[in-house]
Amino acid sequence: PARLNLAERAINSEDFQLAIKNYRLVTHNQPDNPRGWMGLAIALFELERFDESLEAARECYALSPSESMAARIVGMGLMATGKPDEARSHFERHIGFHPEQEPFLADLMSQL
């Protein structure tokens, strides 16, 4: 938990390099930790490392498929890597399983 807390403090202070370093340690030591993967995805996205961000987001989503933020960051990664059709399919599939989350994803879907 200490390493995860350090990573989260780094991301909150916008020290994305430090956040990435610590999130990578978390995900290496605890590969089943969705918070670690989500934080890594967000930090990488902030540095416009979209392919890596998408990979981390997919790991998070695989571990926590009902989490709306995980669905959102996967879709954002798909959009940022030039895959709008895949993003649309991803959002539609997610909403099919979790219709209550549609309002949280609607702003991104409207951009597709």
Protein backbone atom coordinates (compact mmCIF):
# COMPACT_ATOMS: atom_id res chain seq x y z
CA PRO A 1 0.00 0.00 0.00
CA ALA A 2 2.85 2.44 0.69
CA ARG A 3 4.12 2.27 -2.91
CA LEU A 4 0.59 2.70 -4.26
CA ASN A 5 0.04 5.70 -1.98
CA LEU A 6 3.32 7.22 -3.16
CA ALA A 7 2.28 6.73 -6.79
CA GLU A 8 -1.12 8.30 -6.15
CA ARG A 9 0.45 11.30 -4.42
CA ALA A 10 2.80 11.72 -7.39
CA ILE A 11 -0.04 11.65 -9.89
CA ASN A 12 -2.06 14.12 -7.79
CA SER A 13 0.92 16.51 -7.81
CA GLU A 14 1.29 15.96 -11.58
CA ASP A 15 4.70 14.31 -11.26
CA PHE A 16 3.77 11.78 -13.91
CA GLN A 17 7.27 10.32 -14.32
CA LEU A 18 7.46 9.49 -10.62
CA ALA A 19 3.92 8.16 -10.73
CA ILE A 20 4.78 5.87 -13.65
CA LYS A 21 7.89 4.58 -11.87
CA ASN A 22 5.90 3.72 -8.76
CA TYR A 23 2.85 2.34 -10.57
CA ARG A 24 5.14 0.07 -12.60
CA LEU A 25 6.56 -1.29 -9.34
CA VAL A 26 3.04 -1.83 -8.02
CA THR A 27 1.86 -3.63 -11.16
CA HIS A 28 5.02 -5.72 -11.28
CA ASN A 29 4.63 -6.85 -7.67
CA GLN A 30 0.83 -6.98 -7.67
CA PRO A 31 -0.30 -7.66 -11.25
CA ASP A 32 -3.86 -8.21 -10.05
CA ASN A 33 -4.15 -4.70 -8.57
CA PRO A 34 -6.58 -2.69 -10.75
CA ARG A 35 -5.76 0.59 -8.96
CA GLY A 36 -2.13 0.18 -9.98
CA TRP A 37 -3.02 -0.42 -13.62
CA MET A 38 -5.52 2.45 -13.66
CA GLY A 39 -3.03 4.91 -12.20
CA LEU A 40 -0.38 3.76 -14.66
CA ALA A 41 -2.80 4.20 -17.56
CA ILE A 42 -3.72 7.72 -16.45
CA ALA A 43 -0.11 8.82 -15.88
CA LEU A 44 0.97 7.47 -19.26
CA PHE A 45 -2.01 9.14 -20.94
CA GLU A 46 -1.08 12.49 -19.38
CA LEU A 47 2.36 12.18 -21.01
CA GLU A 48 0.72 11.28 -24.34
CA ARG A 49 2.15 7.77 -24.28
CA PHE A 50 -1.13 6.52 -25.64
CA ASP A 51 -0.18 2.98 -26.73
CA GLU A 52 1.29 2.18 -23.33
CA SER A 53 -1.65 3.84 -21.61
CA LEU A 54 -4.11 1.73 -23.59
CA GLU A 55 -2.23 -1.44 -22.67
CA ALA A 56 -2.36 -0.56 -18.95
CA ALA A 57 -6.02 0.45 -19.21
CA ARG A 58 -6.88 -2.89 -20.79
CA GLU A 59 -5.15 -4.68 -17.91
CA CYS A 60 -7.23 -2.68 -15.44
CA TYR A 61 -10.45 -3.31 -17.35
CA ALA A 62 -9.74 -7.05 -17.51
CA LEU A 63 -9.38 -7.08 -13.72
CA SER A 64 -12.34 -4.79 -13.05
CA PRO A 65 -14.79 -4.89 -15.99
CA SER A 66 -17.63 -3.27 -14.09
CA GLU A 67 -15.55 -0.18 -13.21
CA SER A 68 -16.75 2.78 -15.26
CA MET A 69 -13.43 4.64 -15.03
CA ALA A 70 -11.63 1.60 -16.45
CA ALA A 71 -14.11 1.53 -19.34
CA ARG A 72 -13.60 5.26 -19.87
CA ILE A 73 -9.81 5.12 -19.97
CA VAL A 74 -9.83 2.17 -22.41
CA GLY A 75 -12.12 4.15 -24.70
CA MET A 76 -9.97 7.25 -24.40
CA GLY A 77 -6.91 5.18 -25.26
CA LEU A 78 -8.62 3.75 -28.31
CA MET A 79 -9.65 7.22 -29.42
CA ALA A 80 -6.14 8.61 -28.85
CA THR A 81 -4.57 5.80 -30.88
CA GLY A 82 -6.85 6.43 -33.85
CA LYS A 83 -9.33 3.61 -33.31
CA PRO A 84 -12.71 5.37 -33.04
CA ASP A 85 -14.74 2.41 -34.31
CA GLU A 86 -13.15 0.13 -31.74
CA ALA A 87 -13.80 2.76 -29.07
CA ARG A 88 -17.48 2.97 -30.07
CA SER A 89 -17.80 -0.83 -29.95
CA HIS A 90 -16.07 -0.92 -26.57
CA PHE A 91 -18.42 1.69 -25.09
CA GLU A 92 -21.53 0.03 -26.55
CA ARG A 93 -20.47 -3.37 -25.20
CA HIS A 94 -19.73 -1.92 -21.76
CA ILE A 95 -23.05 -0.06 -21.62
CA GLY A 96 -24.82 -3.24 -22.70
CA PHE A 97 -23.60 -4.88 -19.50
CA HIS A 98 -23.80 -1.73 -17.34
CA PRO A 99 -26.55 0.56 -18.70
CA GLU A 100 -26.49 2.68 -15.55
CA GLN A 101 -23.03 3.91 -16.56
CA GLU A 102 -24.10 5.40 -19.89
CA PRO A 103 -24.26 8.99 -18.54
CA PHE A 104 -20.64 8.72 -17.38
CA LEU A 105 -19.52 7.66 -20.87
CA ALA A 106 -21.90 9.75 -22.99
CA ASP A 107 -19.55 12.72 -23.40
CA LEU A 108 -16.87 10.52 -24.93
CA MET A 109 -19.35 8.64 -27.10
CA SER A 110 -20.63 11.94 -28.49
CA GLN A 111 -17.10 12.62 -29.83
CA LEU A 112 -17.14 9.47 -31.98
